[in-house]
PDB file of N, CA and C in Angstrom:
ATOM      1  N   MET A   1    -229.115  19.517 -60.963  1.00  0.00           N
ATOM      2  CA  MET A   1    -228.198  20.007 -59.944  1.00  0.00           C
ATOM      3  C   MET A   1    -227.181  18.934 -59.578  1.00  0.00           C
ATOM      4  N   ASN A   2    -227.590  17.675 -59.617  1.00  0.00           N
ATOM      5  CA  ASN A   2    -226.668  16.592 -59.300  1.00  0.00           C
ATOM      6  C   ASN A   2    -225.547  16.509 -60.335  1.00  0.00           C
ATOM      7  N   LEU A   3    -225.868  16.758 -61.598  1.00  0.00           N
ATOM      8  CA  LEU A   3    -224.851  16.742 -62.651  1.00  0.00           C
ATOM      9  C   LEU A   3    -223.843  17.865 -62.435  1.00  0.00           C
ATOM     10  N   LEU A   4    -224.328  19.045 -62.055  1.00  0.00           N
ATOM     11  CA  LEU A   4    -223.438  20.179 -61.824  1.00  0.00           C
ATOM     12  C   LEU A   4    -222.497  19.916 -60.651  1.00  0.00           C
ATOM     13  N   SER A   5    -223.006  19.375 -59.562  1.00  0.00           N
ATOM     14  CA  SER A   5    -222.138  19.089 -58.419  1.00  0.00           C
ATOM     15  C   SER A   5    -221.156  17.972 -58.750  1.00  0.00           C
ATOM     16  N   MET A   6    -221.556  17.023 -59.596  1.00  0.00           N
ATOM     17  CA  MET A   6    -220.637  15.971 -60.006  1.00  0.00           C
ATOM     18  C   MET A   6    -219.498  16.557 -60.846  1.00  0.00           C
ATOM     19  N   LEU A   7    -219.818  17.478 -61.745  1.00  0.00           N
ATOM     20  CA  LEU A   7    -218.789  18.087 -62.577  1.00  0.00           C
ATOM     21  C   LEU A   7    -217.845  18.952 -61.757  1.00  0.00           C
ATOM     22  N   ILE A   8    -218.372  19.649 -60.756  1.00  0.00           N
ATOM     23  CA  ILE A   8    -217.534  20.518 -59.936  1.00  0.00           C
ATOM     24  C   ILE A   8    -216.578  19.695 -59.080  1.00  0.00           C
ATOM     25  N   ASN A   9    -217.014  18.561 -58.582  1.00  0.00           N
ATOM     26  CA  ASN A   9    -216.190  17.751 -57.686  1.00  0.00           C
ATOM     27  C   ASN A   9    -215.294  16.751 -58.415  1.00  0.00           C
ATOM     28  N   ASP A  10    -215.406  16.647 -59.726  1.00  0.00           N
ATOM     29  CA  ASP A  10    -214.624  15.666 -60.480  1.00  0.00           C
ATOM     30  C   ASP A  10    -213.247  16.249 -60.819  1.00  0.00           C
ATOM     31  N   PRO A  11    -212.157  15.630 -60.397  1.00  0.00           N
ATOM     32  CA  PRO A  11    -210.831  16.191 -60.698  1.00  0.00           C
ATOM     33  C   PRO A  11    -210.476  16.151 -62.183  1.00  0.00           C
ATOM     34  N   VAL A  12    -211.029  15.189 -62.924  1.00  0.00           N
ATOM     35  CA  VAL A  12    -210.736  15.118 -64.356  1.00  0.00           C
ATOM     36  C   VAL A  12    -211.285  16.350 -65.063  1.00  0.00           C
ATOM     37  N   VAL A  13    -212.477  16.789 -64.674  1.00  0.00           N
ATOM     38  CA  VAL A  13    -213.076  17.988 -65.269  1.00  0.00           C
ATOM     39  C   VAL A  13    -212.254  19.219 -64.901  1.00  0.00           C
ATOM     40  N   MET A  14    -211.778  19.269 -63.659  1.00  0.00           N
ATOM     41  CA  MET A  14    -210.967  20.418 -63.228  1.00  0.00           C
ATOM     42  C   MET A  14    -209.650  20.482 -64.016  1.00  0.00           C
ATOM     43  N   PHE A  15    -208.988  19.332 -64.203  1.00  0.00           N
ATOM     44  CA  PHE A  15    -207.754  19.333 -64.990  1.00  0.00           C
ATOM     45  C   PHE A  15    -208.030  19.691 -66.444  1.00  0.00           C
ATOM     46  N   SER A  16    -209.176  19.273 -66.977  1.00  0.00           N
ATOM     47  CA  SER A  16    -209.517  19.614 -68.351  1.00  0.00           C
ATOM     48  C   SER A  16    -209.750  21.113 -68.502  1.00  0.00           C
ATOM     49  N   PHE A  17    -210.521  21.696 -67.580  1.00  0.00           N
ATOM     50  CA  PHE A  17    -210.747  23.138 -67.633  1.00  0.00           C
ATOM     51  C   PHE A  17    -209.447  23.907 -67.414  1.00  0.00           C
ATOM     52  N   GLY A  18    -208.598  23.403 -66.536  1.00  0.00           N
ATOM     53  CA  GLY A  18    -207.310  24.052 -66.318  1.00  0.00           C
ATOM     54  C   GLY A  18    -206.438  24.006 -67.557  1.00  0.00           C
ATOM     55  N   GLY A  19    -206.410  22.863 -68.229  1.00  0.00           N
ATOM     56  CA  GLY A  19    -205.633  22.746 -69.463  1.00  0.00           C
ATOM     57  C   GLY A  19    -206.160  23.637 -70.567  1.00  0.00           C
ATOM     58  N   ILE A  20    -207.474  23.722 -70.682  1.00  0.00           N
ATOM     59  CA  ILE A  20    -208.071  24.606 -71.684  1.00  0.00           C
ATOM     60  C   ILE A  20    -207.757  26.061 -71.367  1.00  0.00           C
ATOM     61  N   ALA A  21    -207.797  26.438 -70.084  1.00  0.00           N
ATOM     62  CA  ALA A  21    -207.485  27.815 -69.689  1.00  0.00           C
ATOM     63  C   ALA A  21    -206.029  28.157 -69.995  1.00  0.00           C
ATOM     64  N   ILE A  22    -205.114  27.222 -69.716  1.00  0.00           N
ATOM     65  CA  ILE A  22    -203.702  27.458 -70.019  1.00  0.00           C
ATOM     66  C   ILE A  22    -203.495  27.580 -71.526  1.00  0.00           C
ATOM     67  N   MET A  23    -204.143  26.719 -72.298  1.00  0.00           N
ATOM     68  CA  MET A  23    -204.006  26.768 -73.746  1.00  0.00           C
ATOM     69  C   MET A  23    -204.539  28.090 -74.312  1.00  0.00           C
ATOM     70  N   LEU A  24    -205.684  28.547 -73.809  1.00  0.00           N
ATOM     71  CA  LEU A  24    -206.238  29.820 -74.276  1.00  0.00           C
ATOM     72  C   LEU A  24    -205.350  30.988 -73.867  1.00  0.00           C
ATOM     73  N   GLY A  25    -204.735  30.900 -72.690  1.00  0.00           N
ATOM     74  CA  GLY A  25    -203.809  31.949 -72.277  1.00  0.00           C
ATOM     75  C   GLY A  25    -202.591  32.020 -73.179  1.00  0.00           C
ATOM     76  N   ILE A  26    -202.042  30.866 -73.553  1.00  0.00           N
ATOM     77  CA  ILE A  26    -200.899  30.839 -74.465  1.00  0.00           C
ATOM     78  C   ILE A  26    -201.299  31.388 -75.837  1.00  0.00           C
ATOM     79  N   CYS A  27    -202.477  31.004 -76.307  1.00  0.00           N
ATOM     80  CA  CYS A  27    -202.948  31.515 -77.606  1.00  0.00           C
ATOM     81  C   CYS A  27    -203.142  33.030 -77.572  1.00  0.00           C
ATOM     82  N   ALA A  28    -203.679  33.548 -76.471  1.00  0.00           N
ATOM     83  CA  ALA A  28    -203.872  34.999 -76.352  1.00  0.00           C
ATOM     84  C   ALA A  28    -202.531  35.717 -76.319  1.00  0.00           C
ATOM     85  N   PHE A  29    -201.542  35.143 -75.631  1.00  0.00           N
ATOM     86  CA  PHE A  29    -200.214  35.756 -75.585  1.00  0.00           C
ATOM     87  C   PHE A  29    -199.601  35.821 -76.979  1.00  0.00           C
ATOM     88  N   TYR A  30    -199.650  34.710 -77.712  1.00  0.00           N
ATOM     89  CA  TYR A  30    -199.051  34.714 -79.043  1.00  0.00           C
ATOM     90  C   TYR A  30    -199.804  35.622 -80.000  1.00  0.00           C
ATOM     91  N   LEU A  31    -201.106  35.709 -79.872  1.00  0.00           N
ATOM     92  CA  LEU A  31    -201.880  36.637 -80.697  1.00  0.00           C
ATOM     93  C   LEU A  31    -201.442  38.071 -80.426  1.00  0.00           C
ATOM     94  N   TYR A  32    -201.332  38.450 -79.144  1.00  0.00           N
ATOM     95  CA  TYR A  32    -200.863  39.791 -78.781  1.00  0.00           C
ATOM     96  C   TYR A  32    -199.439  40.016 -79.280  1.00  0.00           C
ATOM     97  N   TYR A  33    -198.571  39.013 -79.113  1.00  0.00           N
ATOM     98  CA  TYR A  33    -197.168  39.123 -79.497  1.00  0.00           C
ATOM     99  C   TYR A  33    -197.040  39.374 -80.998  1.00  0.00           C
ATOM    100  N   PHE A  34    -197.719  38.562 -81.815  1.00  0.00           N
ATOM    101  CA  PHE A  34    -197.592  38.712 -83.259  1.00  0.00           C
ATOM    102  C   PHE A  34    -198.241  39.995 -83.755  1.00  0.00           C
ATOM    103  N   ILE A  35    -199.379  40.386 -83.189  1.00  0.00           N
ATOM    104  CA  ILE A  35    -200.030  41.619 -83.637  1.00  0.00           C
ATOM    105  C   ILE A  35    -199.165  42.829 -83.321  1.00  0.00           C
ATOM    106  N   THR A  36    -198.580  42.888 -82.113  1.00  0.00           N
ATOM    107  CA  THR A  36    -197.728  44.035 -81.783  1.00  0.00           C
ATOM    108  C   THR A  36    -196.476  44.069 -82.652  1.00  0.00           C
ATOM    109  N   HIS A  37    -195.869  42.915 -82.939  1.00  0.00           N
ATOM    110  CA  HIS A  37    -194.675  42.923 -83.775  1.00  0.00           C
ATOM    111  C   HIS A  37    -195.001  43.249 -85.227  1.00  0.00           C
ATOM    112  N   ILE A  38    -196.148  42.845 -85.713  1.00  0.00           N
ATOM    113  CA  ILE A  38    -196.539  43.211 -87.080  1.00  0.00           C
ATOM    114  C   ILE A  38    -196.772  44.715 -87.171  1.00  0.00           C
ATOM    115  N   GLN A  39    -197.402  45.288 -86.142  1.00  0.00           N
ATOM    116  CA  GLN A  39    -197.622  46.735 -86.164  1.00  0.00           C
ATOM    117  C   GLN A  39    -196.309  47.500 -86.069  1.00  0.00           C
ATOM    118  N   GLU A  40    -195.391  47.055 -85.235  1.00  0.00           N
ATOM    119  CA  GLU A  40    -194.098  47.721 -85.123  1.00  0.00           C
ATOM    120  C   GLU A  40    -193.297  47.594 -86.417  1.00  0.00           C
ATOM    121  N   ASP A  41    -193.381  46.458 -87.072  1.00  0.00           N
ATOM    122  CA  ASP A  41    -192.647  46.270 -88.314  1.00  0.00           C
ATOM    123  C   ASP A  41    -193.233  47.129 -89.436  1.00  0.00           C
ATOM    124  N   SER A  42    -194.550  47.300 -89.430  1.00  0.00           N
ATOM    125  CA  SER A  42    -195.147  48.123 -90.476  1.00  0.00           C
ATOM    126  C   SER A  42    -194.861  49.602 -90.257  1.00  0.00           C
ATOM    127  N   LYS A  43    -194.562  50.024 -89.027  1.00  0.00           N
ATOM    128  CA  LYS A  43    -194.214  51.421 -88.771  1.00  0.00           C
ATOM    129  C   LYS A  43    -192.807  51.749 -89.237  1.00  0.00           C
ATOM    130  N   LYS A  44    -191.915  50.726 -89.261  1.00  0.00           N
ATOM    131  CA  LYS A  44    -190.532  50.960 -89.657  1.00  0.00           C
ATOM    132  C   LYS A  44    -190.401  51.249 -91.144  1.00  0.00           C
ATOM    133  N   HIS A  45    -191.289  50.668 -91.959  1.00  0.00           N
ATOM    134  CA  HIS A  45    -191.146  50.794 -93.417  1.00  0.00           C
ATOM    135  C   HIS A  45    -192.039  51.835 -93.959  1.00  0.00           C
TER     136      HIS A  45
END
């Protein structure tokens, strides 16, 4: 329990989790963006 409270109160861990969350959000956006454009392009031809 002491390790968990240390991780929760550590700002370095919070910035790391925040950076990972932002990176995963950007990756999810680009995945959605490319999949929708590939599907739209395949419908045109």
